[in-house]
Amino acid sequence: MSSPYLDDRHIAALEKLVSDTDEVEESNVPRVVPMYVKEAPCAPHEHPLEFTYVYSFFLRPSGKFDPVEYAQYVQQIAAVRSVEQFWSVYRHIKRPCDIGEKVDVHFFKKGIKPVWEDEANIKGGKWILRLKKGLSSRIWENLLLAMAGEQFVVGDEICGAVCSVRNQEDIVSLWNRTADVAITTRIRDTLRRVLNLPVNAVMEYKRHDECLKYAYN
């Protein structure tokens, strides 16, 4: 597998994200990594999404790492504009429970970077759900389906989602534009419904401006 966009370390990481049921060969790359800067238009038979979404991932660099440099290490996997494109990419990416190393997987609206300081994110925040190992795959899939299907009904408030695979737990978060109580409460309630969370599930909301202050101090 070769790519002019990724170095060897990120190619190795991407191969680990690809389902074991598919051989990672040069001929397979257009399905697994169909676009880096170009987008495939919707075919006449396809069902367009309201927004174009971009899959990407972050692999922590070796050695000392400054969180404010996060964006430099984000690598795009694919952009999807239709239901059919969504599934064609999703079915070739390993589920969070099957990813063996620390990695962040992103699913964001086109034009929004998965970083706190992005213009669309800076005045907002994220709902965070910490999960025991083995539970994140179902939660992640249901969240992506709810986003692609525009089930949150909060206008353009939803920015994207992140699944952070860690050693002891997985962390799923949903990012939005405005840290307004009424908006975030509505998003939280919809999250509980679409993810079928128990009433005692603990969810935490963090503002991105506060995260930035902490990162710089």
N, C-alpha and C. Protein backbone atom coordinates (compact mmCIF):
# COMPACT_ATOMS: atom_id res chain seq x y z
N MET A 1 0.85 -1.19 0.00
CA MET A 1 0.00 0.00 0.00
C MET A 1 0.89 1.23 0.00
N SER A 2 0.72 2.16 -0.93
CA SER A 2 1.53 3.36 -0.99
C SER A 2 0.64 4.56 -1.19
N SER A 3 1.12 5.72 -0.74
CA SER A 3 0.33 6.93 -0.88
C SER A 3 1.25 8.13 -0.82
N PRO A 4 1.06 9.14 -1.69
CA PRO A 4 1.88 10.34 -1.62
C PRO A 4 1.48 11.23 -0.46
N TYR A 5 0.40 10.90 0.25
CA TYR A 5 -0.12 11.76 1.29
C TYR A 5 0.27 11.32 2.70
N LEU A 6 0.65 10.06 2.86
CA LEU A 6 0.93 9.52 4.18
C LEU A 6 2.35 9.00 4.26
N ASP A 7 3.00 9.19 5.42
CA ASP A 7 4.31 8.59 5.61
C ASP A 7 4.11 7.13 6.05
N ASP A 8 5.23 6.40 6.15
CA ASP A 8 5.14 4.96 6.42
C ASP A 8 4.43 4.66 7.73
N ARG A 9 4.66 5.49 8.74
CA ARG A 9 4.06 5.24 10.04
C ARG A 9 2.55 5.38 9.98
N HIS A 10 2.06 6.38 9.25
CA HIS A 10 0.62 6.58 9.16
C HIS A 10 -0.02 5.54 8.24
N ILE A 11 0.71 5.09 7.23
CA ILE A 11 0.19 4.01 6.39
C ILE A 11 0.02 2.75 7.23
N ALA A 12 1.00 2.47 8.09
CA ALA A 12 0.89 1.30 8.97
C ALA A 12 -0.31 1.44 9.90
N ALA A 13 -0.54 2.65 10.40
CA ALA A 13 -1.69 2.88 11.28
C ALA A 13 -2.99 2.71 10.51
N LEU A 14 -3.02 3.21 9.29
CA LEU A 14 -4.23 3.10 8.48
C LEU A 14 -4.53 1.64 8.17
N GLU A 15 -3.48 0.86 7.92
CA GLU A 15 -3.69 -0.56 7.65
C GLU A 15 -4.32 -1.26 8.86
N LYS A 16 -3.99 -0.78 10.06
CA LYS A 16 -4.57 -1.37 11.26
C LYS A 16 -6.03 -0.96 11.44
N LEU A 17 -6.44 0.12 10.78
CA LEU A 17 -7.83 0.54 10.86
C LEU A 17 -8.70 -0.19 9.85
N VAL A 18 -8.06 -0.79 8.85
CA VAL A 18 -8.80 -1.47 7.79
C VAL A 18 -9.18 -2.87 8.25
N SER A 19 -10.37 -3.27 7.92
CA SER A 19 -10.89 -4.57 8.34
C SER A 19 -9.98 -5.70 7.89
N ASP A 20 -9.80 -6.70 8.76
CA ASP A 20 -8.97 -7.86 8.43
C ASP A 20 -9.56 -8.68 7.29
N THR A 21 -10.83 -8.47 6.97
CA THR A 21 -11.47 -9.26 5.92
C THR A 21 -11.10 -8.75 4.54
N ASP A 22 -10.42 -7.61 4.47
CA ASP A 22 -10.03 -7.04 3.19
C ASP A 22 -8.52 -6.94 3.11
N GLU A 23 -7.94 -7.42 2.04
CA GLU A 23 -6.52 -7.27 1.84
C GLU A 23 -6.22 -5.82 1.49
N VAL A 24 -5.17 -5.30 2.11
CA VAL A 24 -4.79 -3.92 1.84
C VAL A 24 -3.80 -3.92 0.68
N GLU A 25 -4.30 -3.81 -0.51
CA GLU A 25 -3.49 -3.81 -1.71
C GLU A 25 -3.69 -2.50 -2.44
N GLU A 26 -2.81 -2.20 -3.38
CA GLU A 26 -2.93 -0.95 -4.14
C GLU A 26 -4.28 -0.86 -4.82
N SER A 27 -4.78 -1.98 -5.35
CA SER A 27 -6.06 -1.96 -6.04
C SER A 27 -7.23 -1.74 -5.09
N ASN A 28 -6.98 -1.96 -3.78
CA ASN A 28 -8.04 -1.82 -2.79
C ASN A 28 -8.11 -0.42 -2.20
N VAL A 29 -7.06 0.37 -2.41
CA VAL A 29 -6.98 1.69 -1.80
C VAL A 29 -8.13 2.59 -2.18
N PRO A 30 -8.57 2.64 -3.44
CA PRO A 30 -9.68 3.54 -3.76
C PRO A 30 -10.94 3.27 -2.96
N ARG A 31 -11.15 2.03 -2.50
CA ARG A 31 -12.33 1.76 -1.68
C ARG A 31 -12.10 2.17 -0.23
N VAL A 32 -10.92 1.85 0.27
CA VAL A 32 -10.63 2.14 1.66
C VAL A 32 -10.28 3.61 1.86
N VAL A 33 -9.54 4.17 0.93
CA VAL A 33 -9.14 5.57 0.99
C VAL A 33 -9.54 6.22 -0.33
N PRO A 34 -10.82 6.43 -0.58
CA PRO A 34 -11.28 6.87 -1.88
C PRO A 34 -10.91 8.28 -2.25
N MET A 35 -10.56 9.12 -1.26
CA MET A 35 -10.22 10.49 -1.61
C MET A 35 -9.48 11.16 -0.46
N TYR A 36 -8.52 12.00 -0.81
CA TYR A 36 -7.80 12.79 0.18
C TYR A 36 -8.15 14.26 0.01
N VAL A 37 -8.15 14.74 -1.22
CA VAL A 37 -8.49 16.13 -1.48
C VAL A 37 -9.67 16.24 -2.43
N LYS A 38 -9.93 15.19 -3.20
CA LYS A 38 -11.05 15.20 -4.14
C LYS A 38 -12.25 14.48 -3.52
N GLU A 39 -13.43 14.84 -4.00
CA GLU A 39 -14.65 14.18 -3.56
C GLU A 39 -15.31 13.51 -4.75
N ALA A 40 -15.88 12.35 -4.50
CA ALA A 40 -16.63 11.67 -5.55
C ALA A 40 -18.05 12.21 -5.55
N PRO A 41 -18.55 12.67 -6.68
CA PRO A 41 -19.94 13.16 -6.73
C PRO A 41 -20.91 12.01 -6.49
N CYS A 42 -22.10 12.35 -6.04
CA CYS A 42 -23.13 11.33 -5.85
C CYS A 42 -23.60 10.80 -7.20
N ALA A 43 -23.66 9.49 -7.32
CA ALA A 43 -24.22 8.88 -8.53
C ALA A 43 -25.73 9.08 -8.52
N PRO A 44 -26.36 9.02 -9.70
CA PRO A 44 -27.81 9.26 -9.77
C PRO A 44 -28.64 8.36 -8.87
N HIS A 45 -28.16 7.13 -8.64
CA HIS A 45 -28.93 6.19 -7.83
C HIS A 45 -28.67 6.34 -6.33
N GLU A 46 -27.69 7.19 -5.96
CA GLU A 46 -27.33 7.32 -4.55
C GLU A 46 -28.23 8.30 -3.81
N HIS A 47 -28.23 8.17 -2.50
CA HIS A 47 -29.06 9.02 -1.64
C HIS A 47 -28.15 10.01 -0.91
N PRO A 48 -28.16 11.28 -1.32
CA PRO A 48 -27.23 12.26 -0.75
C PRO A 48 -27.51 12.56 0.72
N LEU A 49 -26.43 12.78 1.47
CA LEU A 49 -26.55 13.24 2.84
C LEU A 49 -26.75 14.75 2.83
N GLU A 50 -27.28 15.29 3.91
CA GLU A 50 -27.47 16.74 3.98
C GLU A 50 -26.14 17.46 4.02
N PHE A 51 -25.13 16.84 4.65
CA PHE A 51 -23.79 17.40 4.73
C PHE A 51 -22.78 16.36 4.25
N THR A 52 -21.66 16.83 3.72
CA THR A 52 -20.54 15.95 3.42
C THR A 52 -19.74 15.75 4.71
N TYR A 53 -19.40 14.51 5.01
CA TYR A 53 -18.63 14.19 6.21
C TYR A 53 -17.27 13.62 5.82
N VAL A 54 -16.28 13.89 6.67
CA VAL A 54 -14.92 13.44 6.42
C VAL A 54 -14.47 12.52 7.55
N TYR A 55 -14.03 11.32 7.18
CA TYR A 55 -13.38 10.42 8.13
C TYR A 55 -11.90 10.79 8.20
N SER A 56 -11.35 10.83 9.40
CA SER A 56 -9.92 11.04 9.55
C SER A 56 -9.46 10.33 10.83
N PHE A 57 -8.16 10.31 11.05
CA PHE A 57 -7.65 9.70 12.27
C PHE A 57 -6.42 10.44 12.75
N PHE A 58 -6.13 10.28 14.03
CA PHE A 58 -4.96 10.88 14.65
C PHE A 58 -4.18 9.79 15.35
N LEU A 59 -2.90 9.70 15.02
CA LEU A 59 -2.00 8.77 15.68
C LEU A 59 -0.96 9.59 16.43
N ARG A 60 -0.92 9.43 17.74
CA ARG A 60 0.00 10.22 18.55
C ARG A 60 1.45 9.97 18.12
N PRO A 61 2.20 11.05 17.87
CA PRO A 61 3.60 10.87 17.45
C PRO A 61 4.44 10.32 18.59
N SER A 62 5.52 9.68 18.23
CA SER A 62 6.42 9.16 19.26
C SER A 62 7.16 10.32 19.92
N GLY A 63 7.52 10.15 21.16
CA GLY A 63 8.23 11.20 21.87
C GLY A 63 7.29 12.23 22.47
N LYS A 64 7.85 13.38 22.85
CA LYS A 64 7.07 14.43 23.48
C LYS A 64 6.08 15.03 22.49
N PHE A 65 4.86 15.27 22.96
CA PHE A 65 3.81 15.78 22.08
C PHE A 65 3.10 16.95 22.73
N ASP A 66 2.95 18.05 21.97
CA ASP A 66 2.23 19.23 22.43
C ASP A 66 0.81 19.16 21.88
N PRO A 67 -0.22 19.14 22.74
CA PRO A 67 -1.60 19.03 22.26
C PRO A 67 -2.01 20.09 21.25
N VAL A 68 -1.38 21.27 21.30
CA VAL A 68 -1.76 22.33 20.37
C VAL A 68 -1.29 22.01 18.94
N GLU A 69 -0.46 20.98 18.79
CA GLU A 69 0.01 20.57 17.47
C GLU A 69 -0.84 19.42 16.90
N TYR A 70 -1.94 19.12 17.56
CA TYR A 70 -2.78 17.99 17.19
C TYR A 70 -3.12 17.98 15.70
N ALA A 71 -3.53 19.15 15.16
CA ALA A 71 -4.00 19.23 13.78
C ALA A 71 -2.95 18.78 12.78
N GLN A 72 -1.68 18.95 13.12
CA GLN A 72 -0.61 18.58 12.20
C GLN A 72 -0.54 17.07 11.96
N TYR A 73 -1.10 16.31 12.87
CA TYR A 73 -0.98 14.86 12.80
C TYR A 73 -2.29 14.17 12.39
N VAL A 74 -3.30 14.96 12.05
CA VAL A 74 -4.57 14.39 11.60
C VAL A 74 -4.46 14.00 10.13
N GLN A 75 -4.83 12.78 9.81
CA GLN A 75 -4.76 12.28 8.44
C GLN A 75 -6.16 11.91 7.96
N GLN A 76 -6.54 12.46 6.82
CA GLN A 76 -7.85 12.15 6.26
C GLN A 76 -7.88 10.74 5.67
N ILE A 77 -9.01 10.09 5.83
CA ILE A 77 -9.23 8.77 5.24
C ILE A 77 -10.13 8.89 4.02
N ALA A 78 -11.27 9.54 4.17
CA ALA A 78 -12.23 9.63 3.06
C ALA A 78 -13.28 10.68 3.37
N ALA A 79 -13.91 11.17 2.32
CA ALA A 79 -15.08 12.04 2.44
C ALA A 79 -16.28 11.30 1.87
N VAL A 80 -17.43 11.46 2.51
CA VAL A 80 -18.64 10.76 2.05
C VAL A 80 -19.77 11.77 1.88
N ARG A 81 -20.48 11.63 0.77
CA ARG A 81 -21.56 12.57 0.45
C ARG A 81 -22.92 11.90 0.33
N SER A 82 -22.94 10.59 0.40
CA SER A 82 -24.21 9.86 0.25
C SER A 82 -24.25 8.70 1.23
N VAL A 83 -25.44 8.14 1.39
CA VAL A 83 -25.60 6.97 2.25
C VAL A 83 -24.74 5.82 1.74
N GLU A 84 -24.72 5.66 0.44
CA GLU A 84 -23.95 4.56 -0.16
C GLU A 84 -22.44 4.75 0.06
N GLN A 85 -21.96 5.98 -0.08
CA GLN A 85 -20.54 6.25 0.16
C GLN A 85 -20.19 6.03 1.64
N PHE A 86 -21.10 6.43 2.51
CA PHE A 86 -20.88 6.22 3.95
C PHE A 86 -20.61 4.75 4.24
N TRP A 87 -21.50 3.88 3.75
CA TRP A 87 -21.36 2.46 4.05
C TRP A 87 -20.16 1.85 3.34
N SER A 88 -19.84 2.32 2.14
CA SER A 88 -18.71 1.74 1.40
C SER A 88 -17.40 1.98 2.13
N VAL A 89 -17.31 3.09 2.85
CA VAL A 89 -16.11 3.37 3.64
C VAL A 89 -16.20 2.71 5.01
N TYR A 90 -17.33 2.87 5.66
CA TYR A 90 -17.48 2.38 7.04
C TYR A 90 -17.24 0.87 7.14
N ARG A 91 -17.72 0.11 6.16
CA ARG A 91 -17.59 -1.35 6.26
C ARG A 91 -16.15 -1.83 6.09
N HIS A 92 -15.25 -0.94 5.65
CA HIS A 92 -13.85 -1.32 5.49
C HIS A 92 -12.97 -0.80 6.62
N ILE A 93 -13.57 -0.12 7.60
CA ILE A 93 -12.80 0.39 8.71
C ILE A 93 -13.10 -0.45 9.95
N LYS A 94 -12.04 -0.82 10.66
CA LYS A 94 -12.23 -1.63 11.87
C LYS A 94 -13.09 -0.89 12.88
N ARG A 95 -13.86 -1.65 13.63
CA ARG A 95 -14.64 -1.07 14.70
C ARG A 95 -13.71 -0.71 15.86
N PRO A 96 -14.08 0.28 16.66
CA PRO A 96 -13.19 0.70 17.75
C PRO A 96 -12.73 -0.43 18.65
N CYS A 97 -13.60 -1.39 18.91
CA CYS A 97 -13.23 -2.51 19.79
C CYS A 97 -12.15 -3.39 19.19
N ASP A 98 -11.94 -3.29 17.87
CA ASP A 98 -10.97 -4.14 17.19
C ASP A 98 -9.66 -3.43 16.88
N ILE A 99 -9.57 -2.15 17.27
CA ILE A 99 -8.34 -1.39 17.03
C ILE A 99 -7.42 -1.58 18.23
N GLY A 100 -6.20 -2.02 17.97
CA GLY A 100 -5.33 -2.41 19.06
C GLY A 100 -4.50 -1.33 19.69
N GLU A 101 -4.35 -0.17 19.07
CA GLU A 101 -3.46 0.83 19.64
C GLU A 101 -4.18 2.16 19.84
N LYS A 102 -3.51 3.06 20.54
CA LYS A 102 -4.11 4.36 20.82
C LYS A 102 -4.28 5.16 19.53
N VAL A 103 -5.50 5.50 19.23
CA VAL A 103 -5.79 6.26 18.02
C VAL A 103 -7.10 7.00 18.22
N ASP A 104 -7.23 8.16 17.61
CA ASP A 104 -8.49 8.89 17.59
C ASP A 104 -9.07 8.79 16.18
N VAL A 105 -10.31 8.37 16.08
CA VAL A 105 -11.00 8.30 14.79
C VAL A 105 -12.04 9.42 14.77
N HIS A 106 -12.05 10.21 13.68
CA HIS A 106 -12.94 11.37 13.59
C HIS A 106 -13.97 11.18 12.48
N PHE A 107 -15.12 11.80 12.67
CA PHE A 107 -16.16 11.87 11.64
C PHE A 107 -16.75 13.27 11.75
N PHE A 108 -16.26 14.18 10.88
CA PHE A 108 -16.62 15.60 10.97
C PHE A 108 -17.19 16.11 9.66
N LYS A 109 -18.02 17.13 9.80
CA LYS A 109 -18.53 17.79 8.60
C LYS A 109 -17.37 18.39 7.82
N LYS A 110 -17.48 18.34 6.51
CA LYS A 110 -16.44 18.89 5.64
C LYS A 110 -16.20 20.35 5.99
N GLY A 111 -14.92 20.72 6.08
CA GLY A 111 -14.55 22.10 6.37
C GLY A 111 -14.32 22.37 7.83
N ILE A 112 -14.62 21.41 8.71
CA ILE A 112 -14.40 21.57 10.14
C ILE A 112 -13.29 20.63 10.58
N LYS A 113 -12.23 21.18 11.13
CA LYS A 113 -11.14 20.35 11.62
C LYS A 113 -11.47 19.82 13.02
N PRO A 114 -11.02 18.62 13.34
CA PRO A 114 -11.32 18.04 14.65
C PRO A 114 -10.39 18.57 15.75
N VAL A 115 -10.33 19.90 15.85
CA VAL A 115 -9.48 20.56 16.85
C VAL A 115 -10.29 21.65 17.55
N TRP A 116 -9.96 21.92 18.80
CA TRP A 116 -10.70 22.90 19.60
C TRP A 116 -10.73 24.27 18.95
N GLU A 117 -9.58 24.68 18.37
CA GLU A 117 -9.45 26.07 17.91
C GLU A 117 -10.06 26.33 16.55
N ASP A 118 -10.62 25.33 15.90
CA ASP A 118 -11.30 25.57 14.63
C ASP A 118 -12.44 26.56 14.86
N GLU A 119 -12.66 27.42 13.86
CA GLU A 119 -13.67 28.47 13.99
C GLU A 119 -15.05 27.92 14.35
N ALA A 120 -15.37 26.75 13.84
CA ALA A 120 -16.68 26.15 14.12
C ALA A 120 -16.77 25.56 15.52
N ASN A 121 -15.61 25.28 16.13
CA ASN A 121 -15.59 24.59 17.42
C ASN A 121 -15.31 25.49 18.62
N ILE A 122 -14.60 26.58 18.40
CA ILE A 122 -14.03 27.36 19.49
C ILE A 122 -15.06 27.86 20.49
N LYS A 123 -16.27 28.16 20.05
CA LYS A 123 -17.30 28.68 20.96
C LYS A 123 -18.23 27.58 21.48
N GLY A 124 -17.89 26.36 21.13
CA GLY A 124 -18.74 25.24 21.53
C GLY A 124 -18.04 24.32 22.51
N GLY A 125 -18.39 23.06 22.42
CA GLY A 125 -17.82 22.07 23.31
C GLY A 125 -18.18 20.67 22.86
N LYS A 126 -18.10 19.73 23.77
CA LYS A 126 -18.37 18.34 23.40
C LYS A 126 -18.99 17.59 24.57
N TRP A 127 -19.91 16.70 24.22
CA TRP A 127 -20.44 15.74 25.18
C TRP A 127 -19.52 14.52 25.17
N ILE A 128 -19.13 14.06 26.34
CA ILE A 128 -18.16 12.98 26.47
C ILE A 128 -18.81 11.78 27.16
N LEU A 129 -18.57 10.63 26.58
CA LEU A 129 -19.07 9.38 27.14
C LEU A 129 -17.89 8.42 27.26
N ARG A 130 -17.54 8.05 28.49
CA ARG A 130 -16.44 7.13 28.74
C ARG A 130 -16.99 5.71 28.84
N LEU A 131 -16.39 4.81 28.07
CA LEU A 131 -16.95 3.46 27.94
C LEU A 131 -15.94 2.39 28.34
N LYS A 132 -16.43 1.35 28.96
CA LYS A 132 -15.59 0.19 29.22
C LYS A 132 -15.20 -0.44 27.89
N LYS A 133 -14.03 -1.07 27.87
CA LYS A 133 -13.58 -1.74 26.66
C LYS A 133 -14.62 -2.77 26.22
N GLY A 134 -14.89 -2.78 24.92
CA GLY A 134 -15.85 -3.73 24.38
C GLY A 134 -17.21 -3.13 24.09
N LEU A 135 -17.45 -1.89 24.54
CA LEU A 135 -18.77 -1.28 24.35
C LEU A 135 -18.81 -0.20 23.27
N SER A 136 -17.66 0.26 22.83
CA SER A 136 -17.63 1.45 21.99
C SER A 136 -18.09 1.22 20.55
N SER A 137 -17.94 0.02 20.02
CA SER A 137 -18.27 -0.20 18.61
C SER A 137 -19.74 0.07 18.32
N ARG A 138 -20.62 -0.45 19.15
CA ARG A 138 -22.05 -0.23 18.93
C ARG A 138 -22.41 1.24 19.12
N ILE A 139 -21.87 1.85 20.16
CA ILE A 139 -22.15 3.27 20.44
C ILE A 139 -21.67 4.13 19.28
N TRP A 140 -20.46 3.87 18.78
CA TRP A 140 -19.88 4.65 17.69
C TRP A 140 -20.72 4.52 16.43
N GLU A 141 -21.11 3.32 16.08
CA GLU A 141 -21.93 3.13 14.87
C GLU A 141 -23.27 3.86 14.99
N ASN A 142 -23.92 3.72 16.12
CA ASN A 142 -25.21 4.39 16.30
C ASN A 142 -25.08 5.90 16.24
N LEU A 143 -23.97 6.41 16.77
CA LEU A 143 -23.75 7.86 16.73
C LEU A 143 -23.54 8.35 15.30
N LEU A 144 -22.73 7.64 14.53
CA LEU A 144 -22.50 8.05 13.13
C LEU A 144 -23.79 7.99 12.33
N LEU A 145 -24.58 6.97 12.55
CA LEU A 145 -25.86 6.86 11.84
C LEU A 145 -26.80 8.01 12.22
N ALA A 146 -26.80 8.38 13.49
CA ALA A 146 -27.65 9.49 13.93
C ALA A 146 -27.19 10.81 13.31
N MET A 147 -25.87 10.99 13.20
CA MET A 147 -25.35 12.21 12.59
C MET A 147 -25.66 12.25 11.10
N ALA A 148 -25.36 11.16 10.41
CA ALA A 148 -25.61 11.13 8.96
C ALA A 148 -27.09 11.28 8.66
N GLY A 149 -27.93 10.77 9.54
CA GLY A 149 -29.38 10.86 9.35
C GLY A 149 -29.99 12.12 9.91
N GLU A 150 -29.15 13.04 10.41
CA GLU A 150 -29.61 14.33 10.95
C GLU A 150 -30.71 14.15 12.00
N GLN A 151 -30.46 13.27 12.95
CA GLN A 151 -31.46 13.01 13.98
C GLN A 151 -31.42 13.99 15.15
N PHE A 152 -30.40 14.85 15.19
CA PHE A 152 -30.28 15.75 16.34
C PHE A 152 -31.17 16.99 16.23
N VAL A 153 -31.55 17.38 15.04
CA VAL A 153 -32.51 18.47 14.80
C VAL A 153 -32.12 19.72 15.59
N VAL A 154 -30.87 20.14 15.43
CA VAL A 154 -30.39 21.37 16.06
C VAL A 154 -29.70 22.26 15.02
N GLY A 155 -30.23 22.26 13.81
CA GLY A 155 -29.63 23.07 12.75
C GLY A 155 -28.24 22.59 12.41
N ASP A 156 -27.31 23.55 12.30
CA ASP A 156 -25.93 23.19 11.96
C ASP A 156 -25.04 23.09 13.19
N GLU A 157 -25.65 22.87 14.36
CA GLU A 157 -24.90 22.83 15.61
C GLU A 157 -23.90 21.68 15.68
N ILE A 158 -24.23 20.54 15.13
CA ILE A 158 -23.33 19.38 15.23
C ILE A 158 -22.13 19.57 14.31
N CYS A 159 -20.93 19.45 14.89
CA CYS A 159 -19.69 19.61 14.13
C CYS A 159 -19.08 18.27 13.73
N GLY A 160 -19.06 17.34 14.67
CA GLY A 160 -18.46 16.05 14.38
C GLY A 160 -18.38 15.19 15.62
N ALA A 161 -17.75 14.04 15.46
CA ALA A 161 -17.63 13.09 16.57
C ALA A 161 -16.23 12.49 16.57
N VAL A 162 -15.80 12.08 17.75
CA VAL A 162 -14.47 11.47 17.92
C VAL A 162 -14.62 10.21 18.76
N CYS A 163 -13.92 9.16 18.35
CA CYS A 163 -13.80 7.96 19.17
C CYS A 163 -12.32 7.78 19.51
N SER A 164 -11.99 7.93 20.78
CA SER A 164 -10.60 7.82 21.23
C SER A 164 -10.38 6.44 21.85
N VAL A 165 -9.59 5.63 21.19
CA VAL A 165 -9.31 4.27 21.67
C VAL A 165 -8.11 4.33 22.62
N ARG A 166 -8.31 3.88 23.84
CA ARG A 166 -7.26 3.92 24.85
C ARG A 166 -7.08 2.53 25.47
N ASN A 167 -6.08 2.40 26.33
CA ASN A 167 -5.77 1.09 26.90
C ASN A 167 -6.86 0.57 27.83
N GLN A 168 -7.35 1.43 28.71
CA GLN A 168 -8.29 1.00 29.74
C GLN A 168 -9.74 1.31 29.42
N GLU A 169 -9.98 2.22 28.49
CA GLU A 169 -11.34 2.64 28.15
C GLU A 169 -11.34 3.24 26.76
N ASP A 170 -12.52 3.42 26.21
CA ASP A 170 -12.70 4.16 24.96
C ASP A 170 -13.57 5.37 25.28
N ILE A 171 -13.29 6.47 24.59
CA ILE A 171 -14.01 7.72 24.86
C ILE A 171 -14.68 8.19 23.57
N VAL A 172 -15.99 8.31 23.60
CA VAL A 172 -16.75 8.80 22.45
C VAL A 172 -17.25 10.19 22.79
N SER A 173 -17.04 11.13 21.88
CA SER A 173 -17.49 12.51 22.12
C SER A 173 -18.18 13.07 20.89
N LEU A 174 -19.16 13.92 21.15
CA LEU A 174 -19.91 14.61 20.09
C LEU A 174 -19.68 16.10 20.25
N TRP A 175 -19.17 16.73 19.19
CA TRP A 175 -18.80 18.15 19.24
C TRP A 175 -19.91 19.01 18.65
N ASN A 176 -20.11 20.20 19.27
CA ASN A 176 -21.10 21.13 18.72
C ASN A 176 -20.57 22.56 18.75
N ARG A 177 -21.24 23.46 18.06
CA ARG A 177 -20.76 24.82 17.83
C ARG A 177 -20.92 25.76 19.02
N THR A 178 -21.99 25.63 19.78
CA THR A 178 -22.35 26.64 20.76
C THR A 178 -22.54 26.02 22.13
N ALA A 179 -21.79 26.54 23.13
CA ALA A 179 -21.89 26.01 24.49
C ALA A 179 -23.06 26.68 25.22
N ASP A 180 -24.22 26.61 24.61
CA ASP A 180 -25.45 27.17 25.18
C ASP A 180 -26.20 26.05 25.89
N VAL A 181 -26.70 26.35 27.10
CA VAL A 181 -27.31 25.31 27.92
C VAL A 181 -28.50 24.66 27.23
N ALA A 182 -29.36 25.47 26.63
CA ALA A 182 -30.55 24.91 25.98
C ALA A 182 -30.17 23.99 24.82
N ILE A 183 -29.17 24.41 24.03
CA ILE A 183 -28.74 23.61 22.89
C ILE A 183 -28.06 22.32 23.35
N THR A 184 -27.14 22.46 24.29
CA THR A 184 -26.40 21.27 24.74
C THR A 184 -27.31 20.28 25.46
N THR A 185 -28.31 20.78 26.15
CA THR A 185 -29.27 19.89 26.81
C THR A 185 -30.07 19.10 25.78
N ARG A 186 -30.47 19.77 24.72
CA ARG A 186 -31.22 19.09 23.66
C ARG A 186 -30.36 18.03 22.99
N ILE A 187 -29.09 18.35 22.76
CA ILE A 187 -28.18 17.39 22.16
C ILE A 187 -27.99 16.19 23.09
N ARG A 188 -27.80 16.47 24.38
CA ARG A 188 -27.63 15.39 25.36
C ARG A 188 -28.83 14.45 25.37
N ASP A 189 -30.02 15.02 25.38
CA ASP A 189 -31.22 14.18 25.43
C ASP A 189 -31.36 13.33 24.17
N THR A 190 -31.00 13.91 23.02
CA THR A 190 -31.05 13.14 21.77
C THR A 190 -29.99 12.04 21.79
N LEU A 191 -28.82 12.35 22.32
CA LEU A 191 -27.76 11.35 22.44
C LEU A 191 -28.23 10.16 23.26
N ARG A 192 -28.85 10.43 24.38
CA ARG A 192 -29.33 9.34 25.23
C ARG A 192 -30.32 8.45 24.48
N ARG A 193 -31.14 9.10 23.65
CA ARG A 193 -32.16 8.34 22.93
C ARG A 193 -31.55 7.51 21.80
N VAL A 194 -30.74 8.14 20.94
CA VAL A 194 -30.23 7.43 19.77
C VAL A 194 -29.19 6.37 20.16
N LEU A 195 -28.52 6.57 21.30
CA LEU A 195 -27.54 5.58 21.75
C LEU A 195 -28.15 4.58 22.72
N ASN A 196 -29.42 4.79 23.04
CA ASN A 196 -30.13 3.88 23.96
C ASN A 196 -29.36 3.72 25.26
N LEU A 197 -28.96 4.85 25.85
CA LEU A 197 -28.17 4.83 27.07
C LEU A 197 -29.06 4.62 28.29
N PRO A 198 -28.56 3.92 29.28
CA PRO A 198 -29.33 3.78 30.53
C PRO A 198 -29.45 5.12 31.24
N VAL A 199 -30.44 5.25 32.08
CA VAL A 199 -30.69 6.53 32.74
C VAL A 199 -29.54 6.95 33.64
N ASN A 200 -28.76 5.98 34.11
CA ASN A 200 -27.65 6.31 35.01
C ASN A 200 -26.33 6.49 34.27
N ALA A 201 -26.35 6.52 32.94
CA ALA A 201 -25.12 6.72 32.17
C ALA A 201 -24.56 8.12 32.45
N VAL A 202 -23.28 8.19 32.75
CA VAL A 202 -22.63 9.46 33.09
C VAL A 202 -22.12 10.12 31.82
N MET A 203 -22.56 11.36 31.58
CA MET A 203 -22.09 12.13 30.44
C MET A 203 -21.54 13.46 30.96
N GLU A 204 -20.47 13.91 30.34
CA GLU A 204 -19.81 15.15 30.78
C GLU A 204 -19.69 16.10 29.60
N TYR A 205 -19.98 17.39 29.84
CA TYR A 205 -19.83 18.38 28.78
C TYR A 205 -18.61 19.25 29.08
N LYS A 206 -17.73 19.40 28.08
CA LYS A 206 -16.55 20.25 28.21
C LYS A 206 -16.57 21.32 27.13
N ARG A 207 -16.31 22.55 27.56
CA ARG A 207 -16.21 23.67 26.61
C ARG A 207 -14.82 23.66 25.98
N HIS A 208 -14.75 23.95 24.70
CA HIS A 208 -13.47 23.92 24.01
C HIS A 208 -12.56 25.07 24.43
N ASP A 209 -13.12 26.24 24.75
CA ASP A 209 -12.26 27.34 25.17
C ASP A 209 -11.57 27.02 26.49
N GLU A 210 -12.23 26.27 27.36
CA GLU A 210 -11.61 25.86 28.61
C GLU A 210 -10.52 24.82 28.37
N CYS A 211 -10.76 23.94 27.40
CA CYS A 211 -9.74 22.94 27.04
C CYS A 211 -8.49 23.63 26.52
N LEU A 212 -8.67 24.68 25.72
CA LEU A 212 -7.54 25.42 25.17
C LEU A 212 -6.75 26.12 26.26
N LYS A 213 -7.44 26.73 27.22
CA LYS A 213 -6.75 27.40 28.32
C LYS A 213 -5.89 26.41 29.09
N TYR A 214 -6.44 25.23 29.32
CA TYR A 214 -5.70 24.20 30.06
C TYR A 214 -4.48 23.74 29.26
N ALA A 215 -4.65 23.60 27.94
CA ALA A 215 -3.55 23.11 27.10
C ALA A 215 -2.39 24.09 27.05
N TYR A 216 -2.69 25.39 27.10
CA TYR A 216 -1.64 26.40 26.99
C TYR A 216 -1.00 26.73 28.33
N ASN A 217 -1.61 26.30 29.43
CA ASN A 217 -1.05 26.59 30.76
C ASN A 217 -0.13 25.47 31.24
